[in-house]
Amino acid sequence: VHRFRIMRWEELPETHQRALREKGIDPDDRWSLIYSTPIREDAETM
């Protein structure tokens, strides 16, 4: 996983948010790694 990482957060339906909260997971702080590169300019392009 390279230095520059693109992370994605998606607003989930309320039922999914509730299910995550019941498991102790904060859906507002649930980011996913979707891309990484050693070059900042490539990350900005992506």
ModelCIF file with pLDDT and N, C-alpha, C, O atoms, coordinates in Angstrom:
data_MODEL
#
_entry.id   MODEL 
#
_entity.id                         1 
_entity.type                       polymer 
_entity.pdbx_number_of_molecules   1 
#
_entity_poly.entity_id                      1 
_entity_poly.type                           'polypeptide(L)' 
_entity_poly.nstd_linkage                   no 
_entity_poly.nstd_monomer                   no 
_entity_poly.pdbx_seq_one_letter_code       VHRFRIMRWEELPETHQRALREKGIDPDDRWSLIYSTPIREDAETM 
_entity_poly.pdbx_seq_one_letter_code_can   VHRFRIMRWEELPETHQRALREKGIDPDDRWSLIYSTPIREDAETM 
_entity_poly.pdbx_strand_id                 A 
#
loop_
_entity_poly_seq.entity_id 
_entity_poly_seq.num 
_entity_poly_seq.mon_id 
_entity_poly_seq.hetero 
1 1  VAL n 
1 2  HIS n 
1 3  ARG n 
1 4  PHE n 
1 5  ARG n 
1 6  ILE n 
1 7  MET n 
1 8  ARG n 
1 9  TRP n 
1 10 GLU n 
1 11 GLU n 
1 12 LEU n 
1 13 PRO n 
1 14 GLU n 
1 15 THR n 
1 16 HIS n 
1 17 GLN n 
1 18 ARG n 
1 19 ALA n 
1 20 LEU n 
1 21 ARG n 
1 22 GLU n 
1 23 LYS n 
1 24 GLY n 
1 25 ILE n 
1 26 ASP n 
1 27 PRO n 
1 28 ASP n 
1 29 ASP n 
1 30 ARG n 
1 31 TRP n 
1 32 SER n 
1 33 LEU n 
1 34 ILE n 
1 35 TYR n 
1 36 SER n 
1 37 THR n 
1 38 PRO n 
1 39 ILE n 
1 40 ARG n 
1 41 GLU n 
1 42 ASP n 
1 43 ALA n 
1 44 GLU n 
1 45 THR n 
1 46 MET n 
#
_struct_asym.id          A 
_struct_asym.entity_id   1 
#
loop_
_ma_qa_metric.id 
_ma_qa_metric.mode 
_ma_qa_metric.name 
_ma_qa_metric.software_group_id 
_ma_qa_metric.type 
1 global pLDDT . pLDDT 
2 local  pLDDT . pLDDT 
#
_ma_qa_metric_global.metric_id      1 
_ma_qa_metric_global.metric_value   94.28 
_ma_qa_metric_global.model_id       1 
_ma_qa_metric_global.ordinal_id     1 
#
loop_
_ma_qa_metric_local.label_asym_id 
_ma_qa_metric_local.label_comp_id 
_ma_qa_metric_local.label_seq_id 
_ma_qa_metric_local.metric_id 
_ma_qa_metric_local.metric_value 
_ma_qa_metric_local.model_id 
_ma_qa_metric_local.ordinal_id 
A VAL 1  2 97.00 1 1  
A HIS 2  2 97.00 1 2  
A ARG 3  2 97.00 1 3  
A PHE 4  2 98.00 1 4  
A ARG 5  2 97.00 1 5  
A ILE 6  2 98.00 1 6  
A MET 7  2 97.00 1 7  
A ARG 8  2 95.00 1 8  
A TRP 9  2 94.00 1 9  
A GLU 10 2 90.00 1 10 
A GLU 11 2 89.00 1 11 
A LEU 12 2 88.00 1 12 
A PRO 13 2 89.00 1 13 
A GLU 14 2 90.00 1 14 
A THR 15 2 93.00 1 15 
A HIS 16 2 91.00 1 16 
A GLN 17 2 92.00 1 17 
A ARG 18 2 94.00 1 18 
A ALA 19 2 95.00 1 19 
A LEU 20 2 93.00 1 20 
A ARG 21 2 94.00 1 21 
A GLU 22 2 96.00 1 22 
A LYS 23 2 95.00 1 23 
A GLY 24 2 94.00 1 24 
A ILE 25 2 92.00 1 25 
A ASP 26 2 92.00 1 26 
A PRO 27 2 89.00 1 27 
A ASP 28 2 88.00 1 28 
A ASP 29 2 89.00 1 29 
A ARG 30 2 89.00 1 30 
A TRP 31 2 94.00 1 31 
A SER 32 2 93.00 1 32 
A LEU 33 2 95.00 1 33 
A ILE 34 2 95.00 1 34 
A TYR 35 2 96.00 1 35 
A SER 36 2 97.00 1 36 
A THR 37 2 97.00 1 37 
A PRO 38 2 97.00 1 38 
A ILE 39 2 97.00 1 39 
A ARG 40 2 98.00 1 40 
A GLU 41 2 98.00 1 41 
A ASP 42 2 98.00 1 42 
A ALA 43 2 98.00 1 43 
A GLU 44 2 98.00 1 44 
A THR 45 2 97.00 1 45 
A MET 46 2 97.00 1 46 
#
loop_
_atom_site.group_PDB 
_atom_site.id 
_atom_site.type_symbol 
_atom_site.label_atom_id 
_atom_site.label_alt_id 
_atom_site.label_comp_id 
_atom_site.label_asym_id 
_atom_site.label_entity_id 
_atom_site.label_seq_id 
_atom_site.pdbx_PDB_ins_code 
_atom_site.Cartn_x 
_atom_site.Cartn_y 
_atom_site.Cartn_z 
_atom_site.occupancy 
_atom_site.B_iso_or_equiv 
_atom_site.pdbx_formal_charge 
_atom_site.auth_seq_id 
_atom_site.auth_comp_id 
_atom_site.auth_asym_id 
_atom_site.auth_atom_id 
_atom_site.pdbx_PDB_model_num 
ATOM 1   N N  . VAL A 1 1  ? 0.881   -1.154 0.000   1.00 97.00 ? 1  VAL A N  1 
ATOM 2   C CA . VAL A 1 1  ? 0.000   0.000  0.000   1.00 97.00 ? 1  VAL A CA 1 
ATOM 3   C C  . VAL A 1 1  ? 0.923   1.208  0.000   1.00 97.00 ? 1  VAL A C  1 
ATOM 4   O O  . VAL A 1 1  ? 1.659   1.444  0.958   1.00 97.00 ? 1  VAL A O  1 
ATOM 5   N N  . HIS A 1 2  ? 0.875   1.968  -1.083  1.00 97.00 ? 2  HIS A N  1 
ATOM 6   C CA . HIS A 1 2  ? 1.815   3.066  -1.279  1.00 97.00 ? 2  HIS A CA 1 
ATOM 7   C C  . HIS A 1 2  ? 1.519   4.265  -0.380  1.00 97.00 ? 2  HIS A C  1 
ATOM 8   O O  . HIS A 1 2  ? 0.509   4.307  0.322   1.00 97.00 ? 2  HIS A O  1 
ATOM 9   N N  . ARG A 1 3  ? 2.417   5.225  -0.422  1.00 97.00 ? 3  ARG A N  1 
ATOM 10  C CA . ARG A 1 3  ? 2.362   6.396  0.456   1.00 97.00 ? 3  ARG A CA 1 
ATOM 11  C C  . ARG A 1 3  ? 1.080   7.207  0.294   1.00 97.00 ? 3  ARG A C  1 
ATOM 12  O O  . ARG A 1 3  ? 0.441   7.557  1.286   1.00 97.00 ? 3  ARG A O  1 
ATOM 13  N N  . PHE A 1 4  ? 0.697   7.509  -0.952  1.00 98.00 ? 4  PHE A N  1 
ATOM 14  C CA . PHE A 1 4  ? -0.483  8.347  -1.188  1.00 98.00 ? 4  PHE A CA 1 
ATOM 15  C C  . PHE A 1 4  ? -1.675  7.442  -1.443  1.00 98.00 ? 4  PHE A C  1 
ATOM 16  O O  . PHE A 1 4  ? -1.672  6.625  -2.364  1.00 98.00 ? 4  PHE A O  1 
ATOM 17  N N  . ARG A 1 5  ? -2.701  7.605  -0.606  1.00 97.00 ? 5  ARG A N  1 
ATOM 18  C CA . ARG A 1 5  ? -3.850  6.691  -0.623  1.00 97.00 ? 5  ARG A CA 1 
ATOM 19  C C  . ARG A 1 5  ? -5.134  7.471  -0.841  1.00 97.00 ? 5  ARG A C  1 
ATOM 20  O O  . ARG A 1 5  ? -5.351  8.523  -0.240  1.00 97.00 ? 5  ARG A O  1 
ATOM 21  N N  . ILE A 1 6  ? -5.966  6.947  -1.698  1.00 98.00 ? 6  ILE A N  1 
ATOM 22  C CA . ILE A 1 6  ? -7.290  7.538  -1.867  1.00 98.00 ? 6  ILE A CA 1 
ATOM 23  C C  . ILE A 1 6  ? -8.257  6.700  -1.052  1.00 98.00 ? 6  ILE A C  1 
ATOM 24  O O  . ILE A 1 6  ? -8.355  5.482  -1.203  1.00 98.00 ? 6  ILE A O  1 
ATOM 25  N N  . MET A 1 7  ? -8.964  7.401  -0.185  1.00 97.00 ? 7  MET A N  1 
ATOM 26  C CA . MET A 1 7  ? -9.930  6.777  0.704   1.00 97.00 ? 7  MET A CA 1 
ATOM 27  C C  . MET A 1 7  ? -11.335 7.209  0.275   1.00 97.00 ? 7  MET A C  1 
ATOM 28  O O  . MET A 1 7  ? -11.536 8.337  -0.177  1.00 97.00 ? 7  MET A O  1 
ATOM 29  N N  . ARG A 1 8  ? -12.301 6.304  0.420   1.00 95.00 ? 8  ARG A N  1 
ATOM 30  C CA . ARG A 1 8  ? -13.685 6.624  0.048   1.00 95.00 ? 8  ARG A CA 1 
ATOM 31  C C  . ARG A 1 8  ? -14.608 6.387  1.234   1.00 95.00 ? 8  ARG A C  1 
ATOM 32  O O  . ARG A 1 8  ? -14.476 5.404  1.963   1.00 95.00 ? 8  ARG A O  1 
ATOM 33  N N  . TRP A 1 9  ? -15.551 7.321  1.410   1.00 94.00 ? 9  TRP A N  1 
ATOM 34  C CA . TRP A 1 9  ? -16.609 7.198  2.400   1.00 94.00 ? 9  TRP A CA 1 
ATOM 35  C C  . TRP A 1 9  ? -17.929 7.328  1.668   1.00 94.00 ? 9  TRP A C  1 
ATOM 36  O O  . TRP A 1 9  ? -18.094 8.222  0.838   1.00 94.00 ? 9  TRP A O  1 
ATOM 37  N N  . GLU A 1 10 ? -18.869 6.449  1.967   1.00 90.00 ? 10 GLU A N  1 
ATOM 38  C CA . GLU A 1 10 ? -20.189 6.502  1.349   1.00 90.00 ? 10 GLU A CA 1 
ATOM 39  C C  . GLU A 1 10 ? -21.257 6.597  2.429   1.00 90.00 ? 10 GLU A C  1 
ATOM 40  O O  . GLU A 1 10 ? -21.199 5.921  3.456   1.00 90.00 ? 10 GLU A O  1 
ATOM 41  N N  . GLU A 1 11 ? -22.225 7.450  2.166   1.00 89.00 ? 11 GLU A N  1 
ATOM 42  C CA . GLU A 1 11 ? -23.366 7.557  3.061   1.00 89.00 ? 11 GLU A CA 1 
ATOM 43  C C  . GLU A 1 11 ? -24.234 6.320  2.875   1.00 89.00 ? 11 GLU A C  1 
ATOM 44  O O  . GLU A 1 11 ? -24.720 6.049  1.777   1.00 89.00 ? 11 GLU A O  1 
ATOM 45  N N  . LEU A 1 12 ? -24.419 5.585  3.940   1.00 88.00 ? 12 LEU A N  1 
ATOM 46  C CA . LEU A 1 12 ? -25.173 4.337  3.885   1.00 88.00 ? 12 LEU A CA 1 
ATOM 47  C C  . LEU A 1 12 ? -26.640 4.581  4.224   1.00 88.00 ? 12 LEU A C  1 
ATOM 48  O O  . LEU A 1 12 ? -26.969 5.556  4.899   1.00 88.00 ? 12 LEU A O  1 
ATOM 49  N N  . PRO A 1 13 ? -27.519 3.701  3.758   1.00 89.00 ? 13 PRO A N  1 
ATOM 50  C CA . PRO A 1 13 ? -28.926 3.799  4.160   1.00 89.00 ? 13 PRO A CA 1 
ATOM 51  C C  . PRO A 1 13 ? -29.040 3.692  5.685   1.00 89.00 ? 13 PRO A C  1 
ATOM 52  O O  . PRO A 1 13 ? -28.198 3.076  6.339   1.00 89.00 ? 13 PRO A O  1 
ATOM 53  N N  . GLU A 1 14 ? -30.065 4.284  6.224   1.00 90.00 ? 14 GLU A N  1 
ATOM 54  C CA . GLU A 1 14 ? -30.243 4.333  7.676   1.00 90.00 ? 14 GLU A CA 1 
ATOM 55  C C  . GLU A 1 14 ? -30.244 2.940  8.308   1.00 90.00 ? 14 GLU A C  1 
ATOM 56  O O  . GLU A 1 14 ? -29.725 2.766  9.410   1.00 90.00 ? 14 GLU A O  1 
ATOM 57  N N  . THR A 1 15 ? -30.814 1.959  7.633   1.00 93.00 ? 15 THR A N  1 
ATOM 58  C CA . THR A 1 15 ? -30.841 0.600  8.202   1.00 93.00 ? 15 THR A CA 1 
ATOM 59  C C  . THR A 1 15 ? -29.422 0.033  8.322   1.00 93.00 ? 15 THR A C  1 
ATOM 60  O O  . THR A 1 15 ? -29.108 -0.649 9.298   1.00 93.00 ? 15 THR A O  1 
ATOM 61  N N  . HIS A 1 16 ? -28.567 0.312  7.333   1.00 91.00 ? 16 HIS A N  1 
ATOM 62  C CA . HIS A 1 16 ? -27.180 -0.149 7.395   1.00 91.00 ? 16 HIS A CA 1 
ATOM 63  C C  . HIS A 1 16 ? -26.411 0.592  8.494   1.00 91.00 ? 16 HIS A C  1 
ATOM 64  O O  . HIS A 1 16 ? -25.610 -0.001 9.216   1.00 91.00 ? 16 HIS A O  1 
ATOM 65  N N  . GLN A 1 17 ? -26.669 1.890  8.604   1.00 92.00 ? 17 GLN A N  1 
ATOM 66  C CA . GLN A 1 17 ? -25.999 2.665  9.653   1.00 92.00 ? 17 GLN A CA 1 
ATOM 67  C C  . GLN A 1 17 ? -26.374 2.133  11.034  1.00 92.00 ? 17 GLN A C  1 
ATOM 68  O O  . GLN A 1 17 ? -25.515 1.985  11.903  1.00 92.00 ? 17 GLN A O  1 
ATOM 69  N N  . ARG A 1 18 ? -27.632 1.853  11.225  1.00 94.00 ? 18 ARG A N  1 
ATOM 70  C CA . ARG A 1 18 ? -28.099 1.337  12.516  1.00 94.00 ? 18 ARG A CA 1 
ATOM 71  C C  . ARG A 1 18 ? -27.450 -0.015 12.829  1.00 94.00 ? 18 ARG A C  1 
ATOM 72  O O  . ARG A 1 18 ? -27.028 -0.253 13.961  1.00 94.00 ? 18 ARG A O  1 
ATOM 73  N N  . ALA A 1 19 ? -27.370 -0.897 11.830  1.00 95.00 ? 19 ALA A N  1 
ATOM 74  C CA . ALA A 1 19 ? -26.758 -2.214 12.030  1.00 95.00 ? 19 ALA A CA 1 
ATOM 75  C C  . ALA A 1 19 ? -25.284 -2.083 12.405  1.00 95.00 ? 19 ALA A C  1 
ATOM 76  O O  . ALA A 1 19 ? -24.801 -2.809 13.274  1.00 95.00 ? 19 ALA A O  1 
ATOM 77  N N  . LEU A 1 20 ? -24.571 -1.171 11.763  1.00 93.00 ? 20 LEU A N  1 
ATOM 78  C CA . LEU A 1 20 ? -23.164 -0.967 12.107  1.00 93.00 ? 20 LEU A CA 1 
ATOM 79  C C  . LEU A 1 20 ? -23.018 -0.433 13.522  1.00 93.00 ? 20 LEU A C  1 
ATOM 80  O O  . LEU A 1 20 ? -22.154 -0.885 14.274  1.00 93.00 ? 20 LEU A O  1 
ATOM 81  N N  . ARG A 1 21 ? -23.861 0.528  13.890  1.00 94.00 ? 21 ARG A N  1 
ATOM 82  C CA . ARG A 1 21 ? -23.791 1.088  15.250  1.00 94.00 ? 21 ARG A CA 1 
ATOM 83  C C  . ARG A 1 21 ? -24.052 0.023  16.306  1.00 94.00 ? 21 ARG A C  1 
ATOM 84  O O  . ARG A 1 21 ? -23.440 0.033  17.374  1.00 94.00 ? 21 ARG A O  1 
ATOM 85  N N  . GLU A 1 22 ? -24.967 -0.899 16.002  1.00 96.00 ? 22 GLU A N  1 
ATOM 86  C CA . GLU A 1 22 ? -25.253 -1.994 16.934  1.00 96.00 ? 22 GLU A CA 1 
ATOM 87  C C  . GLU A 1 22 ? -24.036 -2.891 17.142  1.00 96.00 ? 22 GLU A C  1 
ATOM 88  O O  . GLU A 1 22 ? -23.907 -3.536 18.183  1.00 96.00 ? 22 GLU A O  1 
ATOM 89  N N  . LYS A 1 23 ? -23.143 -2.931 16.150  1.00 95.00 ? 23 LYS A N  1 
ATOM 90  C CA . LYS A 1 23 ? -21.912 -3.721 16.247  1.00 95.00 ? 23 LYS A CA 1 
ATOM 91  C C  . LYS A 1 23 ? -20.740 -2.888 16.768  1.00 95.00 ? 23 LYS A C  1 
ATOM 92  O O  . LYS A 1 23 ? -19.605 -3.363 16.812  1.00 95.00 ? 23 LYS A O  1 
ATOM 93  N N  . GLY A 1 24 ? -21.021 -1.641 17.164  1.00 94.00 ? 24 GLY A N  1 
ATOM 94  C CA . GLY A 1 24 ? -19.974 -0.787 17.704  1.00 94.00 ? 24 GLY A CA 1 
ATOM 95  C C  . GLY A 1 24 ? -19.122 -0.103 16.640  1.00 94.00 ? 24 GLY A C  1 
ATOM 96  O O  . GLY A 1 24 ? -18.031 0.379  16.943  1.00 94.00 ? 24 GLY A O  1 
ATOM 97  N N  . ILE A 1 25 ? -19.602 -0.054 15.410  1.00 92.00 ? 25 ILE A N  1 
ATOM 98  C CA . ILE A 1 25 ? -18.868 0.575  14.316  1.00 92.00 ? 25 ILE A CA 1 
ATOM 99  C C  . ILE A 1 25 ? -19.525 1.913  13.979  1.00 92.00 ? 25 ILE A C  1 
ATOM 100 O O  . ILE A 1 25 ? -20.740 1.980  13.790  1.00 92.00 ? 25 ILE A O  1 
ATOM 101 N N  . ASP A 1 26 ? -18.733 2.966  13.906  1.00 92.00 ? 26 ASP A N  1 
ATOM 102 C CA . ASP A 1 26 ? -19.249 4.289  13.565  1.00 92.00 ? 26 ASP A CA 1 
ATOM 103 C C  . ASP A 1 26 ? -19.292 4.442  12.047  1.00 92.00 ? 26 ASP A C  1 
ATOM 104 O O  . ASP A 1 26 ? -18.236 4.545  11.423  1.00 92.00 ? 26 ASP A O  1 
ATOM 105 N N  . PRO A 1 27 ? -20.487 4.461  11.425  1.00 89.00 ? 27 PRO A N  1 
ATOM 106 C CA . PRO A 1 27 ? -20.567 4.560  9.968   1.00 89.00 ? 27 PRO A CA 1 
ATOM 107 C C  . PRO A 1 27 ? -20.079 5.899  9.424   1.00 89.00 ? 27 PRO A C  1 
ATOM 108 O O  . PRO A 1 27 ? -19.783 6.012  8.235   1.00 89.00 ? 27 PRO A O  1 
ATOM 109 N N  . ASP A 1 28 ? -19.995 6.902  10.274  1.00 88.00 ? 28 ASP A N  1 
ATOM 110 C CA . ASP A 1 28 ? -19.505 8.210  9.828   1.00 88.00 ? 28 ASP A CA 1 
ATOM 111 C C  . ASP A 1 28 ? -17.987 8.252  9.731   1.00 88.00 ? 28 ASP A C  1 
ATOM 112 O O  . ASP A 1 28 ? -17.420 9.192  9.173   1.00 88.00 ? 28 ASP A O  1 
ATOM 113 N N  . ASP A 1 29 ? -17.328 7.231  10.274  1.00 89.00 ? 29 ASP A N  1 
ATOM 114 C CA . ASP A 1 29 ? -15.863 7.178  10.228  1.00 89.00 ? 29 ASP A CA 1 
ATOM 115 C C  . ASP A 1 29 ? -15.411 5.862  9.588   1.00 89.00 ? 29 ASP A C  1 
ATOM 116 O O  . ASP A 1 29 ? -14.420 5.265  10.007  1.00 89.00 ? 29 ASP A O  1 
ATOM 117 N N  . ARG A 1 30 ? -16.137 5.431  8.589   1.00 89.00 ? 30 ARG A N  1 
ATOM 118 C CA . ARG A 1 30 ? -15.857 4.157  7.915   1.00 89.00 ? 30 ARG A CA 1 
ATOM 119 C C  . ARG A 1 30 ? -15.333 4.444  6.512   1.00 89.00 ? 30 ARG A C  1 
ATOM 120 O O  . ARG A 1 30 ? -16.100 4.515  5.552   1.00 89.00 ? 30 ARG A O  1 
ATOM 121 N N  . TRP A 1 31 ? -14.024 4.607  6.409   1.00 94.00 ? 31 TRP A N  1 
ATOM 122 C CA . TRP A 1 31 ? -13.365 4.916  5.141   1.00 94.00 ? 31 TRP A CA 1 
ATOM 123 C C  . TRP A 1 31 ? -12.758 3.649  4.561   1.00 94.00 ? 31 TRP A C  1 
ATOM 124 O O  . TRP A 1 31 ? -12.257 2.799  5.298   1.00 94.00 ? 31 TRP A O  1 
ATOM 125 N N  . SER A 1 32 ? -12.803 3.524  3.236   1.00 93.00 ? 32 SER A N  1 
ATOM 126 C CA . SER A 1 32 ? -12.239 2.363  2.539   1.00 93.00 ? 32 SER A CA 1 
ATOM 127 C C  . SER A 1 32 ? -11.074 2.806  1.662   1.00 93.00 ? 32 SER A C  1 
ATOM 128 O O  . SER A 1 32 ? -11.159 3.815  0.963   1.00 93.00 ? 32 SER A O  1 
ATOM 129 N N  . LEU A 1 33 ? -9.998  2.052  1.706   1.00 95.00 ? 33 LEU A N  1 
ATOM 130 C CA . LEU A 1 33 ? -8.864  2.278  0.816   1.00 95.00 ? 33 LEU A CA 1 
ATOM 131 C C  . LEU A 1 33 ? -9.237  1.748  -0.560  1.00 95.00 ? 33 LEU A C  1 
ATOM 132 O O  . LEU A 1 33 ? -9.597  0.580  -0.701  1.00 95.00 ? 33 LEU A O  1 
ATOM 133 N N  . ILE A 1 34 ? -9.152  2.615  -1.588  1.00 95.00 ? 34 ILE A N  1 
ATOM 134 C CA . ILE A 1 34 ? -9.514  2.147  -2.922  1.00 95.00 ? 34 ILE A CA 1 
ATOM 135 C C  . ILE A 1 34 ? -8.392  2.309  -3.942  1.00 95.00 ? 34 ILE A C  1 
ATOM 136 O O  . ILE A 1 34 ? -8.487  1.769  -5.045  1.00 95.00 ? 34 ILE A O  1 
ATOM 137 N N  . TYR A 1 35 ? -7.335  3.039  -3.599  1.00 96.00 ? 35 TYR A N  1 
ATOM 138 C CA . TYR A 1 35 ? -6.247  3.265  -4.557  1.00 96.00 ? 35 TYR A CA 1 
ATOM 139 C C  . TYR A 1 35 ? -5.032  3.755  -3.788  1.00 96.00 ? 35 TYR A C  1 
ATOM 140 O O  . TYR A 1 35 ? -5.163  4.491  -2.811  1.00 96.00 ? 35 TYR A O  1 
ATOM 141 N N  . SER A 1 36 ? -3.851  3.347  -4.229  1.00 97.00 ? 36 SER A N  1 
ATOM 142 C CA . SER A 1 36 ? -2.626  3.891  -3.638  1.00 97.00 ? 36 SER A CA 1 
ATOM 143 C C  . SER A 1 36 ? -1.563  4.019  -4.718  1.00 97.00 ? 36 SER A C  1 
ATOM 144 O O  . SER A 1 36 ? -1.547  3.267  -5.693  1.00 97.00 ? 36 SER A O  1 
ATOM 145 N N  . THR A 1 37 ? -0.684  4.981  -4.525  1.00 97.00 ? 37 THR A N  1 
ATOM 146 C CA . THR A 1 37 ? 0.383   5.253  -5.481  1.00 97.00 ? 37 THR A CA 1 
ATOM 147 C C  . THR A 1 37 ? 1.543   5.924  -4.741  1.00 97.00 ? 37 THR A C  1 
ATOM 148 O O  . THR A 1 37 ? 1.327   6.589  -3.728  1.00 97.00 ? 37 THR A O  1 
ATOM 149 N N  . PRO A 1 38 ? 2.762   5.754  -5.236  1.00 97.00 ? 38 PRO A N  1 
ATOM 150 C CA . PRO A 1 38 ? 3.891   6.434  -4.608  1.00 97.00 ? 38 PRO A CA 1 
ATOM 151 C C  . PRO A 1 38 ? 4.025   7.897  -5.078  1.00 97.00 ? 38 PRO A C  1 
ATOM 152 O O  . PRO A 1 38 ? 4.855   8.643  -4.559  1.00 97.00 ? 38 PRO A O  1 
ATOM 153 N N  . ILE A 1 39 ? 3.203   8.298  -6.061  1.00 97.00 ? 39 ILE A N  1 
ATOM 154 C CA . ILE A 1 39 ? 3.339   9.630  -6.673  1.00 97.00 ? 39 ILE A CA 1 
ATOM 155 C C  . ILE A 1 39 ? 2.097   10.471 -6.385  1.00 97.00 ? 39 ILE A C  1 
ATOM 156 O O  . ILE A 1 39 ? 0.986   10.103 -6.768  1.00 97.00 ? 39 ILE A O  1 
ATOM 157 N N  . ARG A 1 40 ? 2.293   11.599 -5.710  1.00 98.00 ? 40 ARG A N  1 
ATOM 158 C CA . ARG A 1 40 ? 1.170   12.465 -5.326  1.00 98.00 ? 40 ARG A CA 1 
ATOM 159 C C  . ARG A 1 40 ? 0.347   12.919 -6.533  1.00 98.00 ? 40 ARG A C  1 
ATOM 160 O O  . ARG A 1 40 ? -0.883  12.928 -6.479  1.00 98.00 ? 40 ARG A O  1 
ATOM 161 N N  . GLU A 1 41 ? 1.021   13.292 -7.614  1.00 98.00 ? 41 GLU A N  1 
ATOM 162 C CA . GLU A 1 41 ? 0.302   13.773 -8.797  1.00 98.00 ? 41 GLU A CA 1 
ATOM 163 C C  . GLU A 1 41 ? -0.633  12.702 -9.359  1.00 98.00 ? 41 GLU A C  1 
ATOM 164 O O  . GLU A 1 41 ? -1.724  13.017 -9.835  1.00 98.00 ? 41 GLU A O  1 
ATOM 165 N N  . ASP A 1 42 ? -0.212  11.446 -9.305  1.00 98.00 ? 42 ASP A N  1 
ATOM 166 C CA . ASP A 1 42 ? -1.082  10.355 -9.761  1.00 98.00 ? 42 ASP A CA 1 
ATOM 167 C C  . ASP A 1 42 ? -2.313  10.233 -8.871  1.00 98.00 ? 42 ASP A C  1 
ATOM 168 O O  . ASP A 1 42 ? -3.414  9.980  -9.359  1.00 98.00 ? 42 ASP A O  1 
ATOM 169 N N  . ALA A 1 43 ? -2.128  10.412 -7.577  1.00 98.00 ? 43 ALA A N  1 
ATOM 170 C CA . ALA A 1 43 ? -3.262  10.371 -6.646  1.00 98.00 ? 43 ALA A CA 1 
ATOM 171 C C  . ALA A 1 43 ? -4.225  11.519 -6.924  1.00 98.00 ? 43 ALA A C  1 
ATOM 172 O O  . ALA A 1 43 ? -5.442  11.336 -6.886  1.00 98.00 ? 43 ALA A O  1 
ATOM 173 N N  . GLU A 1 44 ? -3.684  12.697 -7.201  1.00 98.00 ? 44 GLU A N  1 
ATOM 174 C CA . GLU A 1 44 ? -4.539  13.848 -7.497  1.00 98.00 ? 44 GLU A CA 1 
ATOM 175 C C  . GLU A 1 44 ? -5.313  13.638 -8.800  1.00 98.00 ? 44 GLU A C  1 
ATOM 176 O O  . GLU A 1 44 ? -6.483  14.007 -8.894  1.00 98.00 ? 44 GLU A O  1 
ATOM 177 N N  . THR A 1 45 ? -4.658  13.043 -9.806  1.00 97.00 ? 45 THR A N  1 
ATOM 178 C CA . THR A 1 45 ? -5.338  12.740 -11.064 1.00 97.00 ? 45 THR A CA 1 
ATOM 179 C C  . THR A 1 45 ? -6.465  11.747 -10.832 1.00 97.00 ? 45 THR A C  1 
ATOM 180 O O  . THR A 1 45 ? -7.579  11.941 -11.318 1.00 97.00 ? 45 THR A O  1 
ATOM 181 N N  . MET A 1 46 ? -6.180  10.686 -10.093 1.00 97.00 ? 46 MET A N  1 
ATOM 182 C CA . MET A 1 46 ? -7.200  9.675  -9.811  1.00 97.00 ? 46 MET A CA 1 
ATOM 183 C C  . MET A 1 46 ? -8.349  10.265 -8.985  1.00 97.00 ? 46 MET A C  1 
ATOM 184 O O  . MET A 1 46 ? -9.299  9.555  -8.654  1.00 97.00 ? 46 MET A O  1 
#
